Amino acid sequence: MNPWPDIERSIREASGAPFAIASRVGIGGGCINESHVIRGHGRAFFVKLNAPDRAQMFSAEAAGLDEIGRTKTVRVPRPLCHGASPAASWIVLEHFELRAADDKAMRTLGRNLARLHRVEGGRYGWNRDNTIGATPQVNAWSDDWIAFWRERRLGFQLKLAASKGGGGLMASGARLMEKLPAFFAGHVPPPSLLHGDLWSGNAAMDAGGEPVVFDPAVYYGDREADLAMTELFGGFPRSFYEAYRTEYPLDAGYEVRKHLYNLYHVLNHLNLFGGGYGAQAERLIEQLLAHV
């Protein structure tokens, strides 16, 4: 089945202007969605496609981009519309001509991310669940950050791993979750607005040199969780961290807690892709347990 006539109609309805696809180019690199750049009537859009039953994933992504966009801190693509047909679900986004961010853009991104993290909510979580990659991410509100991280983040991923045959992690993971309060002595983080999935593959700069982030998994939590993930899977350059810390210095204990936060993403990669992520998760757990 062909989803493109429905996508064209969705764009026309959302924009209130004529639109028909004159060209469409598939974009590689993603492992969750199929992506395309479409052009017509002098406009260009970035479109992500998935199975028809993933419409809520795109709805949550659009809401997350709007949440970040309203802060006018970090630049994100504006969502135009999202929807589903029997052929596919989709989200249509503002299109940027992206390229690898240079040092100047990364310094700007560091400052802008710090300003995003100054945007605080009243509780931890968000007003809806979303996804981290293709994995459900539970964001039910909580007044207790340690309980939130134990139940909605590490506990959720550990149970998912056990359901897929990774039950060996449960025992060491349970010991770690019992000891979580020890990692937060003197650290009570405000509920900061987080991108939620901020690794090097989700940041770039546009043709004018302005940094852009995308593919969020938004919620309100400890800002250290966002910053920790920037150190995972290749990391960001030193200029980014210097600019961030100048704008918003980090609390004592971050160098240990960052491994606790990145365990969530390693477990998620185990659940998505398998492979060596199980051994990496086990090493992280043992490393964290050695600190308490």
C-alpha atoms as a PDB file:
ATOM      1  CA  MET A   1       0.000   0.000   0.000  1.00  0.00           C
ATOM      2  CA  ASN A   2       1.092   3.570  -0.710  1.00  0.00           C
ATOM      3  CA  PRO A   3       1.024   6.061   2.221  1.00  0.00           C
ATOM      4  CA  TRP A   4       2.128   9.117   0.234  1.00  0.00           C
ATOM      5  CA  PRO A   5      -1.279  10.379  -0.953  1.00  0.00           C
ATOM      6  CA  ASP A   6      -2.426  10.418   2.680  1.00  0.00           C
ATOM      7  CA  ILE A   7       0.759  12.206   3.733  1.00  0.00           C
ATOM      8  CA  GLU A   8       0.299  14.821   1.019  1.00  0.00           C
ATOM      9  CA  ARG A   9      -3.263  15.407   2.184  1.00  0.00           C
ATOM     10  CA  SER A  10      -2.100  15.659   5.812  1.00  0.00           C
ATOM     11  CA  ILE A  11       0.480  18.312   4.834  1.00  0.00           C
ATOM     12  CA  ARG A  12      -2.112  20.331   2.908  1.00  0.00           C
ATOM     13  CA  GLU A  13      -4.545  20.252   5.824  1.00  0.00           C
ATOM     14  CA  ALA A  14      -1.894  21.173   8.407  1.00  0.00           C
ATOM     15  CA  SER A  15      -0.304  23.965   6.381  1.00  0.00           C
ATOM     16  CA  GLY A  16      -3.410  25.331   4.680  1.00  0.00           C
ATOM     17  CA  ALA A  17      -1.502  25.505   1.401  1.00  0.00           C
ATOM     18  CA  PRO A  18      -1.256  23.400  -1.768  1.00  0.00           C
ATOM     19  CA  PHE A  19       1.259  20.580  -1.688  1.00  0.00           C
ATOM     20  CA  ALA A  20       2.104  17.648  -3.932  1.00  0.00           C
ATOM     21  CA  ILE A  21       5.300  15.615  -3.856  1.00  0.00           C
ATOM     22  CA  ALA A  22       7.560  16.518  -6.756  1.00  0.00           C
ATOM     23  CA  SER A  23      10.576  14.540  -5.500  1.00  0.00           C
ATOM     24  CA  ARG A  24      11.276  12.064  -2.726  1.00  0.00           C
ATOM     25  CA  VAL A  25      14.686  10.863  -1.537  1.00  0.00           C
ATOM     26  CA  GLY A  26      15.181   8.103   1.022  1.00  0.00           C
ATOM     27  CA  ILE A  27      17.600   8.907   3.844  1.00  0.00           C
ATOM     28  CA  GLY A  28      19.658   6.156   5.423  1.00  0.00           C
ATOM     29  CA  GLY A  29      21.200   5.917   8.867  1.00  0.00           C
ATOM     30  CA  GLY A  30      18.172   5.293  11.074  1.00  0.00           C
ATOM     31  CA  CYS A  31      17.515   1.907  12.661  1.00  0.00           C
ATOM     32  CA  ILE A  32      13.964   2.529  13.921  1.00  0.00           C
ATOM     33  CA  ASN A  33      12.143   4.406  11.161  1.00  0.00           C
ATOM     34  CA  GLU A  34      12.217   4.791   7.408  1.00  0.00           C
ATOM     35  CA  SER A  35      13.099   8.387   6.512  1.00  0.00           C
ATOM     36  CA  HIS A  36      12.643  10.572   3.432  1.00  0.00           C
ATOM     37  CA  VAL A  37      13.067  14.162   2.294  1.00  0.00           C
ATOM     38  CA  ILE A  38      10.161  15.261   0.137  1.00  0.00           C
ATOM     39  CA  ARG A  39       9.902  18.426  -1.952  1.00  0.00           C
ATOM     40  CA  GLY A  40       7.106  20.192  -3.758  1.00  0.00           C
ATOM     41  CA  HIS A  41       5.603  23.659  -4.279  1.00  0.00           C
ATOM     42  CA  GLY A  42       8.900  25.224  -3.243  1.00  0.00           C
ATOM     43  CA  ARG A  43       8.901  23.520   0.161  1.00  0.00           C
ATOM     44  CA  ALA A  44      10.826  20.619   1.691  1.00  0.00           C
ATOM     45  CA  PHE A  45       9.915  18.337   4.597  1.00  0.00           C
ATOM     46  CA  PHE A  46      11.559  15.505   6.487  1.00  0.00           C
ATOM     47  CA  VAL A  47       9.227  12.506   6.843  1.00  0.00           C
ATOM     48  CA  LYS A  48       9.607   9.471   9.085  1.00  0.00           C
ATOM     49  CA  LEU A  49       7.554   6.343   8.483  1.00  0.00           C
ATOM     50  CA  ASN A  50       6.814   3.273  10.550  1.00  0.00           C
ATOM     51  CA  ALA A  51       4.137   0.596  10.848  1.00  0.00           C
ATOM     52  CA  PRO A  52       0.512   1.794  11.169  1.00  0.00           C
ATOM     53  CA  ASP A  53       0.378   0.814  14.849  1.00  0.00           C
ATOM     54  CA  ARG A  54       3.254   3.192  15.763  1.00  0.00           C
ATOM     55  CA  ALA A  55       1.171   6.354  15.374  1.00  0.00           C
ATOM     56  CA  GLN A  56       1.333   7.108  19.112  1.00  0.00           C
ATOM     57  CA  MET A  57       5.131   7.068  18.948  1.00  0.00           C
ATOM     58  CA  PHE A  58       5.030   9.884  16.398  1.00  0.00           C
ATOM     59  CA  SER A  59       2.335  11.751  18.285  1.00  0.00           C
ATOM     60  CA  ALA A  60       4.535  11.725  21.397  1.00  0.00           C
ATOM     61  CA  GLU A  61       7.561  12.805  19.372  1.00  0.00           C
ATOM     62  CA  ALA A  62       5.653  15.782  17.991  1.00  0.00           C
ATOM     63  CA  ALA A  63       4.549  16.750  21.507  1.00  0.00           C
ATOM     64  CA  GLY A  64       8.135  16.464  22.754  1.00  0.00           C
ATOM     65  CA  LEU A  65       9.472  18.665  19.968  1.00  0.00           C
ATOM     66  CA  ASP A  66       6.795  21.230  20.761  1.00  0.00           C
ATOM     67  CA  GLU A  67       7.695  21.101  24.462  1.00  0.00           C
ATOM     68  CA  ILE A  68      11.346  21.852  23.709  1.00  0.00           C
ATOM     69  CA  GLY A  69      10.538  24.347  20.958  1.00  0.00           C
ATOM     70  CA  ARG A  70       8.420  26.500  23.264  1.00  0.00           C
ATOM     71  CA  THR A  71      11.452  27.120  25.495  1.00  0.00           C
ATOM     72  CA  LYS A  72      13.353  28.882  22.686  1.00  0.00           C
ATOM     73  CA  THR A  73      16.616  27.393  23.978  1.00  0.00           C
ATOM     74  CA  VAL A  74      17.820  24.452  21.896  1.00  0.00           C
ATOM     75  CA  ARG A  75      16.672  24.463  18.278  1.00  0.00           C
ATOM     76  CA  VAL A  76      14.579  21.487  17.172  1.00  0.00           C
ATOM     77  CA  PRO A  77      12.697  20.778  13.943  1.00  0.00           C
ATOM     78  CA  ARG A  78       9.112  22.000  14.038  1.00  0.00           C
ATOM     79  CA  PRO A  79       6.572  19.199  13.600  1.00  0.00           C
ATOM     80  CA  LEU A  80       3.981  19.972  10.942  1.00  0.00           C
ATOM     81  CA  CYS A  81       1.705  16.946  11.210  1.00  0.00           C
ATOM     82  CA  HIS A  82       1.552  13.261  12.051  1.00  0.00           C
ATOM     83  CA  GLY A  83      -0.946  10.520  11.366  1.00  0.00           C
ATOM     84  CA  ALA A  84      -1.587   6.994  10.186  1.00  0.00           C
ATOM     85  CA  SER A  85      -3.260   5.090   7.389  1.00  0.00           C
ATOM     86  CA  PRO A  86      -3.580   1.353   6.695  1.00  0.00           C
ATOM     87  CA  ALA A  87      -0.210   1.651   4.931  1.00  0.00           C
ATOM     88  CA  ALA A  88       1.936   3.409   7.560  1.00  0.00           C
ATOM     89  CA  SER A  89       2.185   5.911  10.377  1.00  0.00           C
ATOM     90  CA  TRP A  90       4.213   9.083   9.866  1.00  0.00           C
ATOM     91  CA  ILE A  91       5.486  12.363  11.172  1.00  0.00           C
ATOM     92  CA  VAL A  92       6.280  15.349   8.936  1.00  0.00           C
ATOM     93  CA  LEU A  93       8.950  17.728  10.210  1.00  0.00           C
ATOM     94  CA  GLU A  94      10.699  20.929   9.247  1.00  0.00           C
ATOM     95  CA  HIS A  95      13.612  20.048   6.986  1.00  0.00           C
ATOM     96  CA  PHE A  96      17.175  21.203   7.665  1.00  0.00           C
ATOM     97  CA  GLU A  97      20.245  20.779   5.489  1.00  0.00           C
ATOM     98  CA  LEU A  98      22.251  19.212   8.299  1.00  0.00           C
ATOM     99  CA  ARG A  99      25.964  18.653   8.613  1.00  0.00           C
ATOM    100  CA  ALA A 100      28.371  17.652  11.372  1.00  0.00           C
ATOM    101  CA  ALA A 101      28.534  20.373  14.008  1.00  0.00           C
ATOM    102  CA  ASP A 102      31.791  22.323  14.223  1.00  0.00           C
ATOM    103  CA  ASP A 103      33.428  23.540  17.420  1.00  0.00           C
ATOM    104  CA  LYS A 104      31.546  26.841  17.457  1.00  0.00           C
ATOM    105  CA  ALA A 105      28.191  25.101  17.053  1.00  0.00           C
ATOM    106  CA  MET A 106      29.022  22.636  19.832  1.00  0.00           C
ATOM    107  CA  ARG A 107      29.866  25.475  22.204  1.00  0.00           C
ATOM    108  CA  THR A 108      26.532  27.063  21.378  1.00  0.00           C
ATOM    109  CA  LEU A 109      24.793  23.733  21.916  1.00  0.00           C
ATOM    110  CA  GLY A 110      26.424  23.376  25.334  1.00  0.00           C
ATOM    111  CA  ARG A 111      25.121  26.795  26.407  1.00  0.00           C
ATOM    112  CA  ASN A 112      21.681  26.196  24.929  1.00  0.00           C
ATOM    113  CA  LEU A 113      21.308  22.785  26.553  1.00  0.00           C
ATOM    114  CA  ALA A 114      22.170  24.324  29.928  1.00  0.00           C
ATOM    115  CA  ARG A 115      19.426  26.894  29.339  1.00  0.00           C
ATOM    116  CA  LEU A 116      16.975  24.144  28.422  1.00  0.00           C
ATOM    117  CA  HIS A 117      17.818  22.430  31.707  1.00  0.00           C
ATOM    118  CA  ARG A 118      16.950  25.630  33.585  1.00  0.00           C
ATOM    119  CA  VAL A 119      13.340  25.035  32.470  1.00  0.00           C
ATOM    120  CA  GLU A 120      11.828  23.198  35.419  1.00  0.00           C
ATOM    121  CA  GLY A 121       8.593  21.346  36.022  1.00  0.00           C
ATOM    122  CA  GLY A 122       6.870  20.673  39.301  1.00  0.00           C
ATOM    123  CA  ARG A 123       7.427  16.900  39.260  1.00  0.00           C
ATOM    124  CA  TYR A 124       9.478  14.214  37.572  1.00  0.00           C
ATOM    125  CA  GLY A 125       8.069  12.579  34.442  1.00  0.00           C
ATOM    126  CA  TRP A 126       5.833  13.977  31.746  1.00  0.00           C
ATOM    127  CA  ASN A 127       2.163  14.246  30.827  1.00  0.00           C
ATOM    128  CA  ARG A 128       2.372  11.228  28.514  1.00  0.00           C
ATOM    129  CA  ASP A 129       4.499   8.178  27.834  1.00  0.00           C
ATOM    130  CA  ASN A 130       6.767   8.107  24.803  1.00  0.00           C
ATOM    131  CA  THR A 131       9.539   5.901  23.429  1.00  0.00           C
ATOM    132  CA  ILE A 132      13.295   5.614  23.795  1.00  0.00           C
ATOM    133  CA  GLY A 133      14.237   4.297  20.381  1.00  0.00           C
ATOM    134  CA  ALA A 134      11.447   1.806  19.785  1.00  0.00           C
ATOM    135  CA  THR A 135      11.101   0.885  23.478  1.00  0.00           C
ATOM    136  CA  PRO A 136       8.182   2.251  25.522  1.00  0.00           C
ATOM    137  CA  GLN A 137       9.278   4.880  28.035  1.00  0.00           C
ATOM    138  CA  VAL A 138       6.992   5.277  31.039  1.00  0.00           C
ATOM    139  CA  ASN A 139       6.736   8.874  32.258  1.00  0.00           C
ATOM    140  CA  ALA A 140       4.022   8.746  34.939  1.00  0.00           C
ATOM    141  CA  TRP A 141       4.512  11.698  37.291  1.00  0.00           C
ATOM    142  CA  SER A 142       6.429  11.234  40.535  1.00  0.00           C
ATOM    143  CA  ASP A 143       7.535  13.505  43.381  1.00  0.00           C
ATOM    144  CA  ASP A 144      10.461  11.179  44.175  1.00  0.00           C
ATOM    145  CA  TRP A 145      13.355  11.142  41.701  1.00  0.00           C
ATOM    146  CA  ILE A 146      15.019   8.035  43.148  1.00  0.00           C
ATOM    147  CA  ALA A 147      11.745   6.086  42.966  1.00  0.00           C
ATOM    148  CA  PHE A 148      11.176   7.358  39.434  1.00  0.00           C
ATOM    149  CA  TRP A 149      14.589   6.189  38.277  1.00  0.00           C
ATOM    150  CA  ARG A 150      14.217   2.860  40.070  1.00  0.00           C
ATOM    151  CA  GLU A 151      10.724   2.023  38.806  1.00  0.00           C
ATOM    152  CA  ARG A 152      10.238   3.842  35.505  1.00  0.00           C
ATOM    153  CA  ARG A 153      13.767   3.571  34.149  1.00  0.00           C
ATOM    154  CA  LEU A 154      16.118   0.864  35.473  1.00  0.00           C
ATOM    155  CA  GLY A 155      13.409  -1.477  36.767  1.00  0.00           C
ATOM    156  CA  PHE A 156      11.426  -1.256  33.542  1.00  0.00           C
ATOM    157  CA  GLN A 157      14.441  -2.085  31.381  1.00  0.00           C
ATOM    158  CA  LEU A 158      15.625  -4.892  33.660  1.00  0.00           C
ATOM    159  CA  LYS A 159      12.197  -6.557  33.561  1.00  0.00           C
ATOM    160  CA  LEU A 160      12.108  -6.200  29.790  1.00  0.00           C
ATOM    161  CA  ALA A 161      15.544  -7.812  29.534  1.00  0.00           C
ATOM    162  CA  ALA A 162      14.398 -10.683  31.753  1.00  0.00           C
ATOM    163  CA  SER A 163      11.353 -11.241  29.534  1.00  0.00           C
ATOM    164  CA  LYS A 164      13.721 -11.601  26.579  1.00  0.00           C
ATOM    165  CA  GLY A 165      15.965 -14.121  28.278  1.00  0.00           C
ATOM    166  CA  GLY A 166      18.318 -11.732  30.037  1.00  0.00           C
ATOM    167  CA  GLY A 167      17.292 -12.734  33.545  1.00  0.00           C
ATOM    168  CA  GLY A 168      20.890 -12.996  34.674  1.00  0.00           C
ATOM    169  CA  LEU A 169      21.003  -9.225  35.105  1.00  0.00           C
ATOM    170  CA  MET A 170      18.053  -9.159  37.458  1.00  0.00           C
ATOM    171  CA  ALA A 171      19.945 -10.232  40.586  1.00  0.00           C
ATOM    172  CA  SER A 172      22.756  -7.685  40.270  1.00  0.00           C
ATOM    173  CA  GLY A 173      20.291  -5.066  39.029  1.00  0.00           C
ATOM    174  CA  ALA A 174      18.088  -5.640  42.090  1.00  0.00           C
ATOM    175  CA  ARG A 175      21.089  -5.118  44.389  1.00  0.00           C
ATOM    176  CA  LEU A 176      21.902  -1.875  42.622  1.00  0.00           C
ATOM    177  CA  MET A 177      18.340  -0.573  42.857  1.00  0.00           C
ATOM    178  CA  GLU A 178      18.308  -1.241  46.603  1.00  0.00           C
ATOM    179  CA  LYS A 179      21.371   0.972  46.962  1.00  0.00           C
ATOM    180  CA  LEU A 180      20.215   3.869  44.758  1.00  0.00           C
ATOM    181  CA  PRO A 181      19.841   6.345  47.658  1.00  0.00           C
ATOM    182  CA  ALA A 182      23.591   6.154  48.287  1.00  0.00           C
ATOM    183  CA  PHE A 183      24.258   7.775  44.908  1.00  0.00           C
ATOM    184  CA  PHE A 184      22.105  10.801  45.754  1.00  0.00           C
ATOM    185  CA  ALA A 185      23.455  11.855  49.143  1.00  0.00           C
ATOM    186  CA  GLY A 186      23.210  15.656  49.103  1.00  0.00           C
ATOM    187  CA  HIS A 187      21.902  15.689  45.525  1.00  0.00           C
ATOM    188  CA  VAL A 188      18.223  16.554  45.071  1.00  0.00           C
ATOM    189  CA  PRO A 189      17.879  17.496  41.413  1.00  0.00           C
ATOM    190  CA  PRO A 190      15.136  19.845  40.257  1.00  0.00           C
ATOM    191  CA  PRO A 191      12.882  18.365  37.528  1.00  0.00           C
ATOM    192  CA  SER A 192      14.591  19.826  34.446  1.00  0.00           C
ATOM    193  CA  LEU A 193      13.212  19.537  30.936  1.00  0.00           C
ATOM    194  CA  LEU A 194      15.325  16.882  29.190  1.00  0.00           C
ATOM    195  CA  HIS A 195      15.825  15.931  25.570  1.00  0.00           C
ATOM    196  CA  GLY A 196      16.008  12.358  26.857  1.00  0.00           C
ATOM    197  CA  ASP A 197      17.954  10.707  24.007  1.00  0.00           C
ATOM    198  CA  LEU A 198      20.835  13.096  23.439  1.00  0.00           C
ATOM    199  CA  TRP A 199      23.721  11.214  21.859  1.00  0.00           C
ATOM    200  CA  SER A 200      25.983  12.374  19.042  1.00  0.00           C
ATOM    201  CA  GLY A 201      23.706  10.928  16.354  1.00  0.00           C
ATOM    202  CA  ASN A 202      20.862  13.211  17.449  1.00  0.00           C
ATOM    203  CA  ALA A 203      22.724  16.519  17.152  1.00  0.00           C
ATOM    204  CA  ALA A 204      24.073  18.439  14.146  1.00  0.00           C
ATOM    205  CA  MET A 205      24.145  21.964  12.742  1.00  0.00           C
ATOM    206  CA  ASP A 206      22.123  23.562   9.972  1.00  0.00           C
ATOM    207  CA  ALA A 207      23.424  25.334   6.875  1.00  0.00           C
ATOM    208  CA  GLY A 208      23.822  28.543   8.869  1.00  0.00           C
ATOM    209  CA  GLY A 209      25.923  26.886  11.579  1.00  0.00           C
ATOM    210  CA  GLU A 210      23.192  26.794  14.237  1.00  0.00           C
ATOM    211  CA  PRO A 211      23.078  23.611  16.334  1.00  0.00           C
ATOM    212  CA  VAL A 212      19.966  21.443  16.039  1.00  0.00           C
ATOM    213  CA  VAL A 213      18.867  18.433  18.109  1.00  0.00           C
ATOM    214  CA  PHE A 214      16.189  15.954  17.120  1.00  0.00           C
ATOM    215  CA  ASP A 215      14.588  12.567  17.923  1.00  0.00           C
ATOM    216  CA  PRO A 216      13.802  13.449  21.561  1.00  0.00           C
ATOM    217  CA  ALA A 217      12.419  11.237  24.320  1.00  0.00           C
ATOM    218  CA  VAL A 218      11.246  14.145  26.473  1.00  0.00           C
ATOM    219  CA  TYR A 219      10.537  14.140  30.206  1.00  0.00           C
ATOM    220  CA  TYR A 220      11.389  16.176  33.323  1.00  0.00           C
ATOM    221  CA  GLY A 221      14.223  14.713  35.372  1.00  0.00           C
ATOM    222  CA  ASP A 222      17.778  15.164  36.604  1.00  0.00           C
ATOM    223  CA  ARG A 223      19.692  17.183  34.004  1.00  0.00           C
ATOM    224  CA  GLU A 224      22.673  14.924  34.650  1.00  0.00           C
ATOM    225  CA  ALA A 225      20.821  12.146  32.801  1.00  0.00           C
ATOM    226  CA  ASP A 226      20.886  14.212  29.590  1.00  0.00           C
ATOM    227  CA  LEU A 227      24.499  15.223  30.017  1.00  0.00           C
ATOM    228  CA  ALA A 228      25.557  11.662  30.834  1.00  0.00           C
ATOM    229  CA  MET A 229      24.163  10.338  27.583  1.00  0.00           C
ATOM    230  CA  THR A 230      26.191  12.862  25.609  1.00  0.00           C
ATOM    231  CA  GLU A 231      29.260  10.967  26.880  1.00  0.00           C
ATOM    232  CA  LEU A 232      27.935   7.630  25.604  1.00  0.00           C
ATOM    233  CA  PHE A 233      28.360   6.228  22.081  1.00  0.00           C
ATOM    234  CA  GLY A 234      31.237   8.460  21.019  1.00  0.00           C
ATOM    235  CA  GLY A 235      30.641  11.515  23.136  1.00  0.00           C
ATOM    236  CA  PHE A 236      30.637  15.245  22.384  1.00  0.00           C
ATOM    237  CA  PRO A 237      33.768  17.438  22.103  1.00  0.00           C
ATOM    238  CA  ARG A 238      35.353  19.190  25.069  1.00  0.00           C
ATOM    239  CA  SER A 239      34.074  22.570  23.860  1.00  0.00           C
ATOM    240  CA  PHE A 240      30.482  21.426  24.452  1.00  0.00           C
ATOM    241  CA  TYR A 241      31.144  20.450  28.080  1.00  0.00           C
ATOM    242  CA  GLU A 242      33.157  23.587  28.819  1.00  0.00           C
ATOM    243  CA  ALA A 243      30.312  25.769  27.565  1.00  0.00           C
ATOM    244  CA  TYR A 244      27.695  23.778  29.476  1.00  0.00           C
ATOM    245  CA  ARG A 245      29.573  23.877  32.781  1.00  0.00           C
ATOM    246  CA  THR A 246      30.246  27.606  32.440  1.00  0.00           C
ATOM    247  CA  GLU A 247      26.521  28.214  31.989  1.00  0.00           C
ATOM    248  CA  TYR A 248      25.320  25.661  34.585  1.00  0.00           C
ATOM    249  CA  PRO A 249      27.996  24.034  36.785  1.00  0.00           C
ATOM    250  CA  LEU A 250      27.501  20.393  37.735  1.00  0.00           C
ATOM    251  CA  ASP A 251      26.978  19.044  41.241  1.00  0.00           C
ATOM    252  CA  ALA A 252      29.470  16.847  43.063  1.00  0.00           C
ATOM    253  CA  GLY A 253      28.974  13.169  42.336  1.00  0.00           C
ATOM    254  CA  TYR A 254      28.180  13.511  38.641  1.00  0.00           C
ATOM    255  CA  GLU A 255      31.228  11.478  37.600  1.00  0.00           C
ATOM    256  CA  VAL A 256      29.728   8.469  39.384  1.00  0.00           C
ATOM    257  CA  ARG A 257      26.041   9.115  38.737  1.00  0.00           C
ATOM    258  CA  LYS A 258      26.592   9.441  34.988  1.00  0.00           C
ATOM    259  CA  HIS A 259      27.232   5.686  34.848  1.00  0.00           C
ATOM    260  CA  LEU A 260      23.970   5.065  36.680  1.00  0.00           C
ATOM    261  CA  TYR A 261      22.124   7.140  34.110  1.00  0.00           C
ATOM    262  CA  ASN A 262      23.882   5.574  31.142  1.00  0.00           C
ATOM    263  CA  LEU A 263      23.028   2.098  32.407  1.00  0.00           C
ATOM    264  CA  TYR A 264      19.458   2.850  31.347  1.00  0.00           C
ATOM    265  CA  HIS A 265      20.540   3.406  27.748  1.00  0.00           C
ATOM    266  CA  VAL A 266      22.856   0.392  27.692  1.00  0.00           C
ATOM    267  CA  LEU A 267      19.982  -1.773  28.948  1.00  0.00           C
ATOM    268  CA  ASN A 268      17.735  -0.269  26.288  1.00  0.00           C
ATOM    269  CA  HIS A 269      20.267  -1.137  23.595  1.00  0.00           C
ATOM    270  CA  LEU A 270      20.430  -4.654  24.993  1.00  0.00           C
ATOM    271  CA  ASN A 271      16.662  -4.911  24.683  1.00  0.00           C
ATOM    272  CA  LEU A 272      16.652  -3.454  21.181  1.00  0.00           C
ATOM    273  CA  PHE A 273      19.734  -5.047  19.654  1.00  0.00           C
ATOM    274  CA  GLY A 274      21.111  -7.754  21.963  1.00  0.00           C
ATOM    275  CA  GLY A 275      24.754  -8.550  21.306  1.00  0.00           C
ATOM    276  CA  GLY A 276      27.462  -7.349  23.654  1.00  0.00           C
ATOM    277  CA  TYR A 277      25.263  -4.849  25.491  1.00  0.00           C
ATOM    278  CA  GLY A 278      24.462  -7.465  28.141  1.00  0.00           C
ATOM    279  CA  ALA A 279      28.107  -7.758  29.161  1.00  0.00           C
ATOM    280  CA  GLN A 280      28.458  -3.974  29.100  1.00  0.00           C
ATOM    281  CA  ALA A 281      25.426  -3.619  31.377  1.00  0.00           C
ATOM    282  CA  GLU A 282      26.835  -6.196  33.795  1.00  0.00           C
ATOM    283  CA  ARG A 283      30.164  -4.365  33.951  1.00  0.00           C
ATOM    284  CA  LEU A 284      28.396  -1.063  34.618  1.00  0.00           C
ATOM    285  CA  ILE A 285      26.346  -2.566  37.432  1.00  0.00           C
ATOM    286  CA  GLU A 286      29.400  -4.075  39.101  1.00  0.00           C
ATOM    287  CA  GLN A 287      31.289  -0.784  38.705  1.00  0.00           C
ATOM    288  CA  LEU A 288      28.425   1.106  40.352  1.00  0.00           C
ATOM    289  CA  LEU A 289      28.061  -1.413  43.177  1.00  0.00           C
ATOM    290  CA  ALA A 290      31.758  -0.978  43.944  1.00  0.00           C
ATOM    291  CA  HIS A 291      31.048   2.670  44.836  1.00  0.00           C
ATOM    292  CA  VAL A 292      28.565   1.887  47.622  1.00  0.00           C
END
